[in-house]
C-alpha atoms as a PDB file:
ATOM      1  CA  MET A   1      -9.747  18.118   2.264  1.00  0.00           C
ATOM      2  CA  ASP A   2      -7.932  17.810   5.422  1.00  0.00           C
ATOM      3  CA  PRO A   3      -5.713  20.924   5.773  1.00  0.00           C
ATOM      4  CA  ASP A   4      -3.310  19.126   7.836  1.00  0.00           C
ATOM      5  CA  PHE A   5      -2.517  16.471   5.632  1.00  0.00           C
ATOM      6  CA  GLY A   6      -3.401  18.348   2.014  1.00  0.00           C
ATOM      7  CA  LEU A   7      -5.402  15.059   1.494  1.00  0.00           C
ATOM      8  CA  ASP A   8      -9.152  13.922   0.652  1.00  0.00           C
ATOM      9  CA  LEU A   9      -9.377  12.014   3.509  1.00  0.00           C
ATOM     10  CA  ASP A  10     -13.224  11.290   3.017  1.00  0.00           C
ATOM     11  CA  GLU A  11     -12.589  10.163  -0.647  1.00  0.00           C
ATOM     12  CA  MET A  12      -9.698   8.019   0.141  1.00  0.00           C
ATOM     13  CA  GLY A  13     -12.030   6.293   2.964  1.00  0.00           C
ATOM     14  CA  ARG A  14     -14.696   5.789   0.347  1.00  0.00           C
ATOM     15  CA  VAL A  15     -12.220   4.114  -2.034  1.00  0.00           C
ATOM     16  CA  PHE A  16     -10.896   2.147   1.046  1.00  0.00           C
ATOM     17  CA  ASP A  17     -14.477   1.311   1.724  1.00  0.00           C
ATOM     18  CA  GLU A  18     -15.782   0.243  -1.810  1.00  0.00           C
ATOM     19  CA  ALA A  19     -13.372  -0.478  -4.410  1.00  0.00           C
ATOM     20  CA  GLU A  20     -12.481  -4.218  -4.944  1.00  0.00           C
ATOM     21  CA  VAL A  21      -8.815  -3.799  -5.835  1.00  0.00           C
ATOM     22  CA  VAL A  22      -6.683  -0.960  -4.404  1.00  0.00           C
ATOM     23  CA  VAL A  23      -3.121  -0.153  -5.409  1.00  0.00           C
ATOM     24  CA  VAL A  24      -1.543   2.231  -2.790  1.00  0.00           C
ATOM     25  CA  ARG A  25       1.751   4.071  -4.214  1.00  0.00           C
ATOM     26  CA  PHE A  26       3.964   5.467  -1.624  1.00  0.00           C
ATOM     27  CA  HIS A  27       6.268   8.177  -1.813  1.00  0.00           C
ATOM     28  CA  VAL A  28       9.050   6.919  -0.106  1.00  0.00           C
ATOM     29  CA  ILE A  29       9.097   3.065  -1.206  1.00  0.00           C
ATOM     30  CA  SER A  30       9.003   1.337  -4.437  1.00  0.00           C
ATOM     31  CA  GLN A  31       6.795  -1.011  -3.327  1.00  0.00           C
ATOM     32  CA  ARG A  32       2.921  -0.917  -3.614  1.00  0.00           C
ATOM     33  CA  LEU A  33       0.199  -1.881  -1.126  1.00  0.00           C
ATOM     34  CA  LEU A  34      -2.227  -4.065  -2.753  1.00  0.00           C
ATOM     35  CA  ILE A  35      -5.657  -4.512  -1.337  1.00  0.00           C
ATOM     36  CA  ASP A  36      -7.845  -7.079  -2.619  1.00  0.00           C
ATOM     37  CA  ALA A  37     -11.237  -7.352  -1.033  1.00  0.00           C
ATOM     38  CA  ARG A  38     -12.826  -9.931  -3.330  1.00  0.00           C
ATOM     39  CA  SER A  39     -13.014 -13.455  -2.173  1.00  0.00           C
ATOM     40  CA  ALA A  40     -14.201 -16.785  -3.096  1.00  0.00           C
ATOM     41  CA  PRO A  41     -14.551 -20.037  -0.805  1.00  0.00           C
ATOM     42  CA  GLY A  42     -11.201 -20.649   0.512  1.00  0.00           C
ATOM     43  CA  ASP A  43      -9.547 -17.591  -1.099  1.00  0.00           C
ATOM     44  CA  PRO A  44     -10.059 -14.635   1.416  1.00  0.00           C
ATOM     45  CA  PRO A  45      -9.296 -11.132   0.795  1.00  0.00           C
ATOM     46  CA  MET A  46      -5.759 -10.151   0.381  1.00  0.00           C
ATOM     47  CA  VAL A  47      -3.555  -7.184   1.811  1.00  0.00           C
ATOM     48  CA  ARG A  48      -0.125  -7.542   0.873  1.00  0.00           C
ATOM     49  CA  LEU A  49       3.085  -5.392  -0.339  1.00  0.00           C
ATOM     50  CA  VAL A  50       4.124  -6.106  -4.104  1.00  0.00           C
ATOM     51  CA  PRO A  51       6.531  -4.797  -6.257  1.00  0.00           C
ATOM     52  CA  PRO A  52       5.614  -2.037  -8.647  1.00  0.00           C
ATOM     53  CA  VAL A  53       4.817  -3.067 -12.286  1.00  0.00           C
ATOM     54  CA  THR A  54       5.097  -0.954 -15.332  1.00  0.00           C
ATOM     55  CA  SER A  55       1.731  -1.042 -16.993  1.00  0.00           C
ATOM     56  CA  ALA A  56      -1.815  -1.875 -15.529  1.00  0.00           C
ATOM     57  CA  GLU A  57      -1.944  -5.152 -17.761  1.00  0.00           C
ATOM     58  CA  GLU A  58       1.063  -6.474 -15.880  1.00  0.00           C
ATOM     59  CA  ARG A  59      -1.003  -5.842 -12.430  1.00  0.00           C
ATOM     60  CA  TYR A  60      -4.042  -7.848 -13.935  1.00  0.00           C
ATOM     61  CA  ARG A  61      -1.476 -10.359 -14.995  1.00  0.00           C
ATOM     62  CA  TYR A  62      -0.168 -10.527 -11.250  1.00  0.00           C
ATOM     63  CA  LEU A  63      -3.645 -11.028 -10.087  1.00  0.00           C
ATOM     64  CA  GLN A  64      -4.673 -13.867 -12.573  1.00  0.00           C
ATOM     65  CA  ARG A  65      -1.311 -15.599 -11.086  1.00  0.00           C
ATOM     66  CA  GLU A  66      -1.949 -14.823  -7.531  1.00  0.00           C
ATOM     67  CA  ARG A  67      -5.447 -15.282  -7.362  1.00  0.00           C
ATOM     68  CA  PRO A  68      -6.883 -17.783 -10.292  1.00  0.00           C
ATOM     69  CA  GLY A  69      -9.811 -18.856  -8.855  1.00  0.00           C
ATOM     70  CA  LEU A  70     -11.205 -15.066  -8.804  1.00  0.00           C
ATOM     71  CA  PRO A  71     -12.438 -13.391 -12.161  1.00  0.00           C
ATOM     72  CA  LEU A  72     -10.025 -10.674 -12.730  1.00  0.00           C
ATOM     73  CA  PRO A  73     -11.589  -7.125 -11.228  1.00  0.00           C
ATOM     74  CA  GLU A  74     -13.545  -4.802 -13.619  1.00  0.00           C
ATOM     75  CA  HIS A  75     -10.728  -2.134 -12.728  1.00  0.00           C
ATOM     76  CA  ILE A  76      -8.122  -1.375 -10.038  1.00  0.00           C
ATOM     77  CA  THR A  77      -8.130   1.593  -8.282  1.00  0.00           C
ATOM     78  CA  VAL A  78      -4.645   3.406  -7.905  1.00  0.00           C
ATOM     79  CA  VAL A  79      -4.270   6.051  -5.098  1.00  0.00           C
ATOM     80  CA  GLY A  80      -1.096   7.689  -4.327  1.00  0.00           C
ATOM     81  CA  TRP A  81       0.024   8.113  -0.764  1.00  0.00           C
ATOM     82  CA  PRO A  82       2.211  11.485  -0.283  1.00  0.00           C
ATOM     83  CA  ARG A  83       2.812  10.850   3.520  1.00  0.00           C
ATOM     84  CA  TYR A  84       4.655   8.549   5.609  1.00  0.00           C
ATOM     85  CA  VAL A  85       2.702   5.139   6.144  1.00  0.00           C
ATOM     86  CA  GLN A  86       2.352   5.961   9.750  1.00  0.00           C
ATOM     87  CA  VAL A  87      -0.541   8.914   8.597  1.00  0.00           C
ATOM     88  CA  LEU A  88      -2.552   6.261   7.247  1.00  0.00           C
ATOM     89  CA  LYS A  89      -3.124   4.948  10.730  1.00  0.00           C
ATOM     90  CA  ASP A  90      -3.048   8.497  12.498  1.00  0.00           C
ATOM     91  CA  THR A  91      -5.707   9.365   9.952  1.00  0.00           C
ATOM     92  CA  GLY A  92      -8.008   6.307  10.710  1.00  0.00           C
ATOM     93  CA  LEU A  93      -7.492   5.276   7.168  1.00  0.00           C
ATOM     94  CA  TRP A  94      -5.684   1.819   7.943  1.00  0.00           C
ATOM     95  CA  GLU A  95      -8.302   1.058  10.651  1.00  0.00           C
ATOM     96  CA  ARG A  96     -11.000   1.417   7.472  1.00  0.00           C
ATOM     97  CA  ILE A  97      -8.948  -0.714   5.340  1.00  0.00           C
ATOM     98  CA  GLU A  98      -8.397  -3.260   8.135  1.00  0.00           C
ATOM     99  CA  GLN A  99     -12.175  -3.108   9.200  1.00  0.00           C
ATOM    100  CA  ARG A 100     -13.141  -3.815   5.558  1.00  0.00           C
ATOM    101  CA  LEU A 101     -11.084  -6.935   4.996  1.00  0.00           C
ATOM    102  CA  VAL A 102     -12.279  -8.417   8.431  1.00  0.00           C
ATOM    103  CA  ARG A 103     -15.535  -7.814   7.386  1.00  0.00           C
ATOM    104  CA  GLU A 104     -15.161  -9.634   3.998  1.00  0.00           C
ATOM    105  CA  GLY A 105     -13.122 -12.360   4.888  1.00  0.00           C
ATOM    106  CA  GLY A 106     -12.814 -12.855   8.661  1.00  0.00           C
ATOM    107  CA  PRO A 107     -11.033 -12.017  11.774  1.00  0.00           C
ATOM    108  CA  ASP A 108      -7.890 -13.685  10.613  1.00  0.00           C
ATOM    109  CA  LEU A 109      -7.434 -10.796   8.254  1.00  0.00           C
ATOM    110  CA  ALA A 110      -6.753  -8.451  11.412  1.00  0.00           C
ATOM    111  CA  GLN A 111      -3.489 -10.449  11.922  1.00  0.00           C
ATOM    112  CA  GLN A 112      -2.443 -10.152   7.923  1.00  0.00           C
ATOM    113  CA  CYS A 113      -2.973  -6.329   8.006  1.00  0.00           C
ATOM    114  CA  GLY A 114      -0.937  -5.798  11.084  1.00  0.00           C
ATOM    115  CA  ASP A 115       1.836  -7.701   9.621  1.00  0.00           C
ATOM    116  CA  VAL A 116       1.493  -5.958   6.499  1.00  0.00           C
ATOM    117  CA  PHE A 117       1.538  -2.612   7.851  1.00  0.00           C
ATOM    118  CA  GLY A 118       4.701  -3.543   9.762  1.00  0.00           C
ATOM    119  CA  GLU A 119       6.309  -4.610   6.530  1.00  0.00           C
ATOM    120  CA  VAL A 120       5.458  -1.207   5.089  1.00  0.00           C
ATOM    121  CA  ARG A 121       6.576   0.558   8.029  1.00  0.00           C
ATOM    122  CA  ALA A 122       9.957  -1.404   8.098  1.00  0.00           C
ATOM    123  CA  ALA A 123      10.604  -1.040   4.270  1.00  0.00           C
ATOM    124  CA  GLU A 124       9.841   2.755   4.818  1.00  0.00           C
ATOM    125  CA  ARG A 125      12.460   2.903   7.500  1.00  0.00           C
ATOM    126  CA  VAL A 126      15.320   1.012   5.524  1.00  0.00           C
ATOM    127  CA  GLU A 127      14.364   3.649   2.470  1.00  0.00           C
ATOM    128  CA  VAL A 128      14.665   6.697   4.813  1.00  0.00           C
ATOM    129  CA  ALA A 129      17.969   5.427   6.587  1.00  0.00           C
ATOM    130  CA  ALA A 130      19.335   4.832   3.221  1.00  0.00           C
ATOM    131  CA  ALA A 131      18.585   8.268   1.947  1.00  0.00           C
ATOM    132  CA  ILE A 132      20.267   9.761   5.148  1.00  0.00           C
ATOM    133  CA  ARG A 133      23.214   7.974   4.997  1.00  0.00           C
ATOM    134  CA  GLY A 134      23.675   8.131   1.196  1.00  0.00           C
ATOM    135  CA  GLY A 135      23.128   4.424   0.456  1.00  0.00           C
ATOM    136  CA  GLU A 136      22.588   3.045  -2.916  1.00  0.00           C
ATOM    137  CA  GLY A 137      20.756   5.280  -5.291  1.00  0.00           C
ATOM    138  CA  TYR A 138      21.467   8.405  -2.954  1.00  0.00           C
ATOM    139  CA  GLU A 139      24.186  10.664  -2.435  1.00  0.00           C
ATOM    140  CA  SER A 140      24.528  12.096   1.176  1.00  0.00           C
ATOM    141  CA  LEU A 141      24.775  16.088   1.568  1.00  0.00           C
ATOM    142  CA  TRP A 142      27.937  15.050   3.659  1.00  0.00           C
ATOM    143  CA  GLU A 143      29.416  13.213   0.527  1.00  0.00           C
ATOM    144  CA  ARG A 144      28.223  15.868  -1.976  1.00  0.00           C
ATOM    145  CA  SER A 145      29.565  19.085   0.012  1.00  0.00           C
ATOM    146  CA  ALA A 146      33.259  17.012   0.292  1.00  0.00           C
ATOM    147  CA  SER A 147      33.609  16.419  -3.352  1.00  0.00           C
ATOM    148  CA  HIS A 148      32.840  19.714  -4.446  1.00  0.00           C
END
């Protein structure tokens, strides 16, 4: 357990190093990070920001639709990430994800990982800004104070 982050970083690192399919749930954004380290000829591993689903069956159907050339994984590992996405990078966990995908699928995956990290960061920034401004789904402290 890392006292600075309140997380078992070693265990999370093992998950990213070993699990076939990992879904990361963030605390700020509703989208999920899907890491699928499986591959087949012409179908390299993938990492992508995906919408949330309401059940495990729905996630399996998503994988079947997106990766029809691969058998369904035996299981999908879901981890919660209770910190900002930058902390994934600061702790070295993002680098482990990227290294694994590059090892499994080749150097082109490094660019995909970078693009997805930027996408997650951007989604997080939009959500934090909406919370501060009192955007849709949020009530700013200023609005609440003025109405009471």
